[in-house]
Amino acid sequence: MALTKLDQLYRQVILDEANHPRHHGTLAAPTHTITVRNPSCGDVLTLQLRVADGVVQDAAFAGSGCTISQASGSLMTDQIIGQTPAVVQQMVQTFSQLVIDGTAPDADLLGDAAILSGVHQFPARIKCATLAWKAASQALTEGEHND
C-alpha cells in the first residue's frame, strides 16, 4: 500500500503531535477534571480544563496511549482553548462525525484537528481518536468541578 505525498504529510503531522504534544501535563488551578479510559486498547487520558467567564481559558491532558490518542489530545486541547462550552460540545459532535464518516459539514470548526479525518479508514482506531474529545464533553457536563 503506497502512501501519497499528502498521506505521508498527514502521517508526519500526527506523529509530530504525538511525540511533541502541546498542552501536555497538568494545570495549576483546573475547574474541571476527568479521567477516561479506552478499555479496548488501554489508552488512559486525564483532561483538565480551566473555564472562566464562559470560556475555556486553558486545557491540559496527561496519560498514556497510542499515537492517535496522544495526537488527538494535543490537537483537541489546542482547538478548544478560547471556545465556549457550547462550541466545544459542537466541536465534539463534528469531530466524531468526521472520524466516523470521513467528512462533516462544519469540519472547518475543528481547525488543525480535522487532519485526523483519515482515521475513518481504520474503524478500530476511532475510539482512540475520539477519547480526548469525549473527555472534553464529559468534563464540561459531568466531570469533577472545582469552580
Protein backbone atom coordinates (compact mmCIF):
# COMPACT_ATOMS: atom_id res chain seq x y z
CA MET A 1 0.00 0.00 0.00
CA ALA A 2 1.77 3.11 -1.24
CA LEU A 3 1.17 6.36 0.58
CA THR A 4 0.58 9.51 -1.41
CA LYS A 5 2.65 12.57 -0.55
CA LEU A 6 -0.39 14.06 1.18
CA ASP A 7 -0.88 10.87 3.25
CA GLN A 8 2.79 10.99 4.19
CA LEU A 9 2.44 14.62 5.28
CA TYR A 10 -0.65 13.80 7.39
CA ARG A 11 1.15 10.87 8.93
CA GLN A 12 4.16 13.06 9.79
CA VAL A 13 1.95 15.74 11.40
CA ILE A 14 0.18 13.11 13.52
CA LEU A 15 3.50 11.59 14.62
CA ASP A 16 4.83 15.04 15.50
CA GLU A 17 1.71 15.87 17.54
CA ALA A 18 2.04 12.59 19.44
CA ASN A 19 5.78 12.89 20.04
CA HIS A 20 5.69 16.59 20.96
CA PRO A 21 2.16 17.18 22.28
CA ARG A 22 1.01 20.67 23.15
CA HIS A 23 -0.80 21.27 26.44
CA HIS A 24 0.55 18.01 27.88
CA GLY A 25 0.79 17.99 31.66
CA THR A 26 -1.37 19.46 34.40
CA LEU A 27 -2.96 22.82 35.18
CA ALA A 28 -2.26 24.68 38.40
CA ALA A 29 -5.91 25.54 39.02
CA PRO A 30 -8.30 23.48 36.88
CA THR A 31 -12.03 23.99 37.21
CA HIS A 32 -12.91 20.69 35.52
CA THR A 33 -11.08 17.35 35.65
CA ILE A 34 -11.91 13.93 34.26
CA THR A 35 -10.09 10.68 33.58
CA VAL A 36 -11.31 8.47 30.74
CA ARG A 37 -10.19 5.07 29.51
CA ASN A 38 -10.47 3.15 26.28
CA PRO A 39 -10.92 -0.43 27.52
CA SER A 40 -10.38 -1.89 24.05
CA CYS A 41 -6.77 -0.74 23.83
CA GLY A 42 -5.77 0.56 27.27
CA ASP A 43 -5.45 4.27 26.45
CA VAL A 44 -5.91 6.46 29.55
CA LEU A 45 -6.33 10.22 29.45
CA THR A 46 -6.82 12.77 32.21
CA LEU A 47 -8.12 16.10 30.98
CA GLN A 48 -8.10 19.30 32.97
CA LEU A 49 -9.87 22.47 31.90
CA ARG A 50 -9.95 25.96 33.32
CA VAL A 51 -13.28 27.56 32.44
CA ALA A 52 -13.86 31.19 33.43
CA ASP A 53 -16.15 33.91 32.13
CA GLY A 54 -17.96 31.33 29.99
CA VAL A 55 -14.84 30.32 28.01
CA VAL A 56 -12.27 27.53 28.17
CA GLN A 57 -9.27 29.57 29.29
CA ASP A 58 -6.78 26.70 29.38
CA ALA A 59 -6.59 22.95 28.88
CA ALA A 60 -4.08 20.21 29.62
CA PHE A 61 -4.03 16.45 29.24
CA ALA A 62 -1.89 13.65 30.58
CA GLY A 63 -1.94 9.91 30.32
CA SER A 64 -0.71 7.17 28.11
CA GLY A 65 -1.88 5.76 24.86
CA CYS A 66 -1.26 5.18 21.21
CA THR A 67 -0.04 7.74 18.71
CA ILE A 68 -3.58 8.55 17.54
CA SER A 69 -4.96 9.21 21.04
CA GLN A 70 -1.99 11.37 22.02
CA ALA A 71 -2.06 13.36 18.77
CA SER A 72 -5.81 13.83 19.13
CA GLY A 73 -5.39 15.09 22.71
CA SER A 74 -2.79 17.60 21.59
CA LEU A 75 -4.86 18.86 18.66
CA MET A 76 -8.08 18.94 20.70
CA THR A 77 -6.68 20.94 23.61
CA ASP A 78 -5.19 23.46 21.20
CA GLN A 79 -8.52 23.92 19.42
CA ILE A 80 -10.87 24.21 22.42
CA ILE A 81 -8.94 26.94 24.24
CA GLY A 82 -10.85 30.18 23.78
CA GLN A 83 -14.14 28.43 22.99
CA THR A 84 -17.38 28.44 24.97
CA PRO A 85 -18.57 25.11 26.38
CA ALA A 86 -21.41 25.12 23.82
CA VAL A 87 -18.95 25.46 20.94
CA VAL A 88 -16.75 22.73 22.45
CA GLN A 89 -19.77 20.40 22.51
CA GLN A 90 -20.44 21.22 18.85
CA MET A 91 -16.77 20.53 18.06
CA VAL A 92 -17.00 17.14 19.80
CA GLN A 93 -20.01 16.16 17.68
CA THR A 94 -18.32 17.38 14.50
CA PHE A 95 -15.11 15.53 15.28
CA SER A 96 -16.99 12.30 15.98
CA GLN A 97 -18.83 12.57 12.67
CA LEU A 98 -15.58 13.37 10.86
CA VAL A 99 -13.68 10.33 12.11
CA ILE A 100 -16.65 8.00 11.67
CA ASP A 101 -17.74 9.19 8.19
CA GLY A 102 -14.58 10.85 6.87
CA THR A 103 -16.44 14.10 6.34
CA ALA A 104 -18.50 16.60 8.30
CA PRO A 105 -20.31 19.70 7.01
CA ASP A 106 -18.69 22.01 9.56
CA ALA A 107 -15.24 20.35 9.76
CA ASP A 108 -13.58 23.77 9.46
CA LEU A 109 -14.74 24.34 13.07
CA LEU A 110 -12.05 21.84 14.11
CA GLY A 111 -9.06 23.71 12.71
CA ASP A 112 -5.94 21.55 12.58
CA ALA A 113 -7.72 18.67 14.31
CA ALA A 114 -9.51 17.93 11.04
CA ILE A 115 -6.30 16.27 9.91
CA LEU A 116 -7.47 13.18 11.80
CA SER A 117 -10.30 12.63 9.30
CA GLY A 118 -8.34 9.73 7.81
CA VAL A 119 -9.00 7.70 10.94
CA HIS A 120 -12.36 6.74 9.41
CA GLN A 121 -10.44 4.29 7.22
CA PHE A 122 -9.39 2.40 10.36
CA PRO A 123 -12.52 1.66 12.43
CA ALA A 124 -10.51 0.09 15.27
CA ARG A 125 -8.80 3.47 15.80
CA ILE A 126 -11.94 5.62 16.04
CA LYS A 127 -12.19 5.16 19.82
CA CYS A 128 -8.54 6.19 20.13
CA ALA A 129 -9.13 9.38 18.15
CA THR A 130 -12.32 10.34 19.97
CA LEU A 131 -11.11 9.63 23.52
CA ALA A 132 -9.86 13.18 24.23
CA TRP A 133 -12.91 14.75 22.61
CA LYS A 134 -15.31 12.65 24.65
CA ALA A 135 -13.28 13.61 27.73
CA ALA A 136 -13.84 17.29 26.93
CA SER A 137 -17.57 16.76 26.59
CA GLN A 138 -17.77 14.77 29.80
CA ALA A 139 -15.53 17.15 31.74
CA LEU A 140 -17.86 20.03 30.91
CA THR A 141 -21.02 18.11 31.79
CA GLU A 142 -20.18 15.53 34.44
CA GLY A 143 -16.51 15.80 35.43
CA GLU A 144 -15.16 16.96 38.77
CA HIS A 145 -15.74 20.70 39.05
CA ASN A 146 -13.60 22.94 41.21
CA ASP A 147 -15.24 26.28 40.46
